[in-house]
Protein backbone atom coordinates (compact mmCIF):
# COMPACT_ATOMS: atom_id res chain seq x y z
CA ILE A 1 -81.09 20.64 33.82
CA TYR A 2 -81.25 19.69 30.17
CA GLU A 3 -80.94 15.84 30.72
CA LEU A 4 -84.30 16.21 33.38
CA VAL A 5 -86.51 18.73 31.32
CA ASP A 6 -89.10 17.63 28.24
CA VAL A 7 -89.00 20.86 26.22
CA ILE A 8 -86.27 23.65 26.09
CA LEU A 9 -87.88 27.23 24.77
CA VAL A 10 -85.50 29.13 22.72
CA HIS A 11 -86.10 32.26 21.03
CA GLY A 12 -84.94 31.81 17.35
CA GLU A 13 -83.42 29.45 14.51
CA HIS A 14 -80.01 30.85 15.23
CA ILE A 15 -80.20 30.42 19.09
CA LYS A 16 -81.36 26.89 18.11
CA GLN A 17 -78.63 25.89 16.19
CA GLU A 18 -76.29 27.85 18.71
CA PHE A 19 -77.68 25.70 21.07
CA GLN A 20 -77.12 22.12 18.86
CA GLU A 21 -73.05 23.30 18.22
CA VAL A 22 -72.38 22.89 22.33
CA PHE A 23 -75.13 20.70 23.11
CA PRO A 24 -76.34 18.13 20.04
CA GLU A 25 -77.33 15.50 22.48
CA TYR A 26 -80.66 17.45 23.30
CA ILE A 27 -81.20 19.02 19.95
CA HIS A 28 -84.43 16.92 20.10
CA LYS A 29 -85.87 18.44 22.91
CA VAL A 30 -85.29 22.03 21.45
CA LYS A 31 -88.83 24.14 20.07
CA ILE A 32 -88.84 27.82 18.99
CA GLN A 33 -91.15 29.90 21.05
CA HIS A 34 -90.75 33.34 19.53
CA HIS A 35 -90.61 36.57 22.02
CA GLY A 36 -94.28 37.88 21.94
CA GLU A 37 -94.65 42.12 21.92
CA TYR A 38 -95.16 44.30 24.54
CA TYR A 39 -99.02 44.10 26.01
CA LYS A 40 -100.67 48.01 26.84
CA LEU A 41 -97.25 49.19 27.64
CA SER A 42 -97.37 52.34 28.81
CA THR A 43 -95.75 55.17 26.10
CA ASP A 44 -97.23 58.54 27.97
CA TYR A 45 -95.67 60.64 29.78
CA GLN A 46 -96.02 63.95 31.84
CA GLU A 47 -93.48 67.06 30.68
CA LYS A 48 -94.55 68.76 33.69
CA ASN A 49 -92.60 66.61 35.62
CA ILE A 50 -89.27 66.35 33.54
CA ASN A 51 -86.46 68.26 34.63
CA LYS A 52 -86.26 71.40 32.59
CA GLU A 53 -82.58 71.11 31.74
CA ILE A 54 -82.84 67.43 30.35
CA ILE A 55 -85.77 69.07 28.29
CA LYS A 56 -83.91 71.82 27.25
CA LYS A 57 -80.75 69.26 26.45
CA VAL A 58 -82.73 66.77 24.59
CA GLU A 59 -84.58 69.03 22.44
CA SER A 60 -81.38 70.92 21.25
CA TYR A 61 -80.34 68.22 18.81
CA GLU A 62 -81.48 67.40 15.44
CA LYS A 63 -81.33 63.48 16.12
CA VAL A 64 -81.66 61.28 19.55
CA ILE A 65 -80.16 57.65 19.87
CA LEU A 66 -81.31 56.11 23.26
CA PHE A 67 -79.45 53.00 24.73
CA SER A 68 -81.62 51.27 27.50
CA GLY A 69 -81.56 48.38 29.48
CA ASN A 70 -78.90 46.40 31.84
CA ILE A 71 -75.87 47.33 31.02
CA PHE A 72 -72.71 44.38 31.17
CA TYR A 73 -70.07 43.01 28.51
CA ASN A 74 -72.18 41.21 26.06
CA LYS A 75 -74.28 44.71 25.52
CA GLY A 76 -71.37 46.04 23.83
CA LEU A 77 -71.65 49.85 24.95
CA ASP A 78 -68.05 50.40 26.08
CA ILE A 79 -68.12 49.84 22.07
CA LEU A 80 -70.74 52.22 20.81
CA VAL A 81 -69.41 54.79 23.67
CA ASP A 82 -65.59 54.25 21.61
CA ILE A 83 -66.91 55.27 18.31
CA TRP A 84 -69.27 58.23 19.59
CA LEU A 85 -66.38 60.17 21.51
CA LYS A 86 -63.98 59.67 18.77
CA ASN A 87 -66.21 60.01 15.89
CA PHE A 88 -69.46 62.15 16.68
CA LYS A 89 -68.80 64.70 19.68
CA GLU A 90 -69.10 67.48 17.20
CA ARG A 91 -72.40 66.01 15.63
CA ASN A 92 -75.88 68.13 16.21
CA ALA A 93 -76.95 64.46 17.71
CA LEU A 94 -77.72 63.42 21.16
CA LEU A 95 -76.64 59.72 22.53
CA ILE A 96 -78.60 58.99 25.40
CA ILE A 97 -77.45 56.33 28.03
CA THR A 98 -80.15 54.60 30.82
CA GLY A 99 -79.76 50.89 32.09
CA GLU A 100 -78.46 49.67 35.70
CA GLN A 101 -74.82 48.06 35.94
CA ALA A 102 -75.08 45.55 37.98
CA TYR A 103 -72.07 43.64 37.04
CA ALA A 104 -68.01 44.53 36.89
CA TYR A 105 -67.39 46.00 33.36
CA PRO A 106 -63.86 47.67 33.56
CA GLU A 107 -64.17 48.42 29.66
CA TYR A 108 -67.06 50.79 30.33
CA ASP A 109 -66.17 52.27 33.37
CA ARG A 110 -63.08 53.65 31.75
CA GLN A 111 -64.92 55.81 29.93
CA LYS A 112 -67.07 57.33 32.54
CA GLN A 113 -64.80 60.60 32.71
CA GLU A 114 -64.68 61.18 29.11
CA ILE A 115 -68.56 60.79 29.12
CA VAL A 116 -69.25 63.04 31.56
CA LYS A 117 -66.80 65.81 29.90
CA CYS A 118 -68.70 65.26 26.23
CA ASP A 119 -71.77 67.47 25.77
CA ASN A 120 -73.95 65.56 23.42
CA ILE A 121 -73.57 62.28 25.65
CA LEU A 122 -76.88 62.22 28.11
CA ARG A 123 -75.83 59.91 30.65
CA PHE A 124 -78.20 58.34 34.01
CA GLU A 125 -76.53 56.21 36.42
CA SER A 126 -79.40 53.51 36.50
CA PHE A 127 -83.15 52.98 35.20
CA VAL A 128 -84.89 55.75 35.34
CA ASP A 129 -88.56 56.23 36.31
CA THR A 130 -91.29 55.12 33.80
CA ASN A 131 -92.22 58.97 32.99
CA LEU A 132 -88.59 59.99 32.15
CA PHE A 133 -87.94 56.87 30.24
CA ASN A 134 -91.54 57.49 28.26
CA TYR A 135 -90.09 61.16 27.67
CA LEU A 136 -86.77 60.23 26.78
CA ALA A 137 -88.23 57.43 23.91
CA ASN A 138 -90.81 59.64 22.79
CA LYS A 139 -88.24 62.13 21.90
CA SER A 140 -85.76 59.67 20.75
CA ASP A 141 -85.32 58.84 16.95
CA VAL A 142 -83.76 55.46 17.01
CA MET A 143 -83.18 52.49 19.50
CA ILE A 144 -79.75 50.86 18.98
CA LEU A 145 -78.61 48.11 20.26
CA PRO A 146 -74.73 47.45 20.04
CA TYR A 147 -74.47 43.93 21.17
CA ARG A 148 -71.58 41.91 20.74
CA HIS A 149 -73.85 38.64 21.45
CA ALA A 150 -77.76 38.43 22.44
CA SER A 151 -80.31 35.38 22.39
CA MET A 152 -82.82 38.12 22.04
CA SER A 153 -83.57 41.60 23.30
CA ALA A 154 -87.15 43.11 24.80
CA VAL A 155 -85.88 46.56 23.58
CA VAL A 156 -87.07 45.81 19.90
CA PHE A 157 -90.49 45.21 21.53
CA THR A 158 -89.90 48.92 23.44
CA ALA A 159 -88.69 50.34 20.16
CA ALA A 160 -92.22 48.86 19.02
CA GLN A 161 -94.11 50.36 21.11
CA PHE A 162 -93.24 53.57 20.66
CA GLY A 163 -92.73 53.44 17.06
CA LYS A 164 -89.20 54.13 16.78
CA MET A 165 -86.75 51.91 14.42
CA VAL A 166 -83.71 50.26 15.56
CA VAL A 167 -80.33 50.17 14.96
CA ALA A 168 -79.05 46.58 15.94
CA THR A 169 -76.18 44.24 15.36
CA LYS A 170 -76.65 40.95 13.63
CA THR A 171 -76.30 38.31 16.61
CA GLY A 172 -78.65 36.10 18.31
CA ALA A 173 -81.99 35.42 17.08
CA LEU A 174 -82.31 39.52 16.17
CA GLU A 175 -82.40 39.49 12.35
CA GLU A 176 -85.75 37.12 12.50
CA TYR A 177 -87.39 39.74 14.38
CA LEU A 178 -86.07 42.50 12.07
CA GLU A 179 -86.80 43.44 8.83
CA GLU A 180 -83.31 45.43 7.50
CA ASN A 181 -83.94 48.40 5.35
CA LYS A 182 -87.39 48.66 6.22
CA ASP A 183 -88.04 48.78 9.99
CA SER A 184 -84.16 48.67 11.09
CA ILE A 185 -80.65 48.92 10.03
CA LEU A 186 -78.42 46.06 10.70
CA CYS A 187 -75.08 45.55 11.43
CA SER A 188 -72.12 43.45 12.43
CA PRO A 189 -71.18 43.47 16.00
CA ASN A 190 -67.61 44.95 15.86
CA GLY A 191 -66.66 48.66 15.74
CA GLN A 192 -66.53 48.99 12.07
CA GLY A 193 -70.06 47.80 11.75
CA ILE A 194 -71.64 49.92 14.84
CA TYR A 195 -69.90 53.17 12.98
CA THR A 196 -71.16 52.64 9.55
CA ALA A 197 -74.93 52.33 11.13
CA ILE A 198 -74.41 55.15 13.00
CA CYS A 199 -73.24 57.14 10.21
CA SER A 200 -76.22 56.29 8.08
CA VAL A 201 -78.48 57.18 10.48
CA LEU A 202 -77.16 60.81 11.13
CA ASN A 203 -76.67 61.37 6.90
CA ASP A 204 -78.55 59.22 5.11
CA TYR A 205 -81.80 59.13 6.70
CA ASP A 206 -84.00 62.16 7.79
CA LYS A 207 -86.29 62.18 10.76
CA ASP A 208 -88.98 61.49 8.53
CA LYS A 209 -87.87 58.83 7.25
CA LEU A 210 -86.82 57.39 10.80
CA ARG A 211 -90.48 57.97 11.86
CA SER A 212 -91.80 55.68 9.09
CA MET A 213 -89.34 53.01 10.06
CA GLY A 214 -90.40 53.09 13.04
CA ALA A 215 -94.25 53.08 12.03
CA GLU A 216 -93.40 50.13 9.89
CA LEU A 217 -91.58 47.91 13.15
CA SER A 218 -94.64 48.76 15.38
CA ARG A 219 -96.90 46.94 12.15
CA ASN A 220 -94.53 44.02 11.78
CA ILE A 221 -94.03 43.25 15.29
CA HIS A 222 -97.66 42.94 15.88
CA LYS A 223 -98.56 41.26 12.25
CA LYS A 224 -95.51 38.45 13.37
CA PHE A 225 -95.43 38.44 17.57
CA SER A 226 -98.71 39.49 18.89
CA TRP A 227 -99.97 37.13 21.43
CA ASP A 228 -103.01 35.85 19.45
CA LYS A 229 -100.46 34.88 16.57
CA ILE A 230 -97.77 33.24 19.40
CA THR A 231 -100.93 31.33 20.59
CA GLU A 232 -102.31 30.18 17.25
CA GLU A 233 -98.90 28.96 16.89
């Protein structure tokens, strides 16, 4: 396929470098096409249509961290859950997990019984409907991306629409879209890095600071990655 096509588009400079390491003979075809912001993504919800037990649980915690998206090995969810179960079960914080698991993922499957027993993890088996997701996203303080590897993630743009800061690992082109310590916390893609980042969220940042970082992410993403900006470039 690479031989046949005229242009190969990637989401960032880091992905271009990775491509060059594997396919140096095709690097002359590679162009960087940045991922664009979500356009008019709805963030509204009707609380009357949300299960009251979910509302009670979500609103009983001081801080809420949301993981969302497809669930498979590269997403690192098993690393996140392992850290949470070992270190944060007694904290006044809630970890919410939403997303569909479409592939075999034994590292995560082995954790599911413990997740059910953990009071401060709220797990949904698959993608939730838009109304419920919008509620969860609005009520969260942080969206977390504990990825082992990625090119880019649409979760960054979802977070920007909801005005939420992100915790993300330094993988793929993610760093190129985020401003560390201004709109995000960036960490190494391993257990120690993710643990330290969560500790910062829970110990070093109050809710006002997290909100201001989320607002900054919204501004930065719109300024750099609006479709008007991309079209001009």
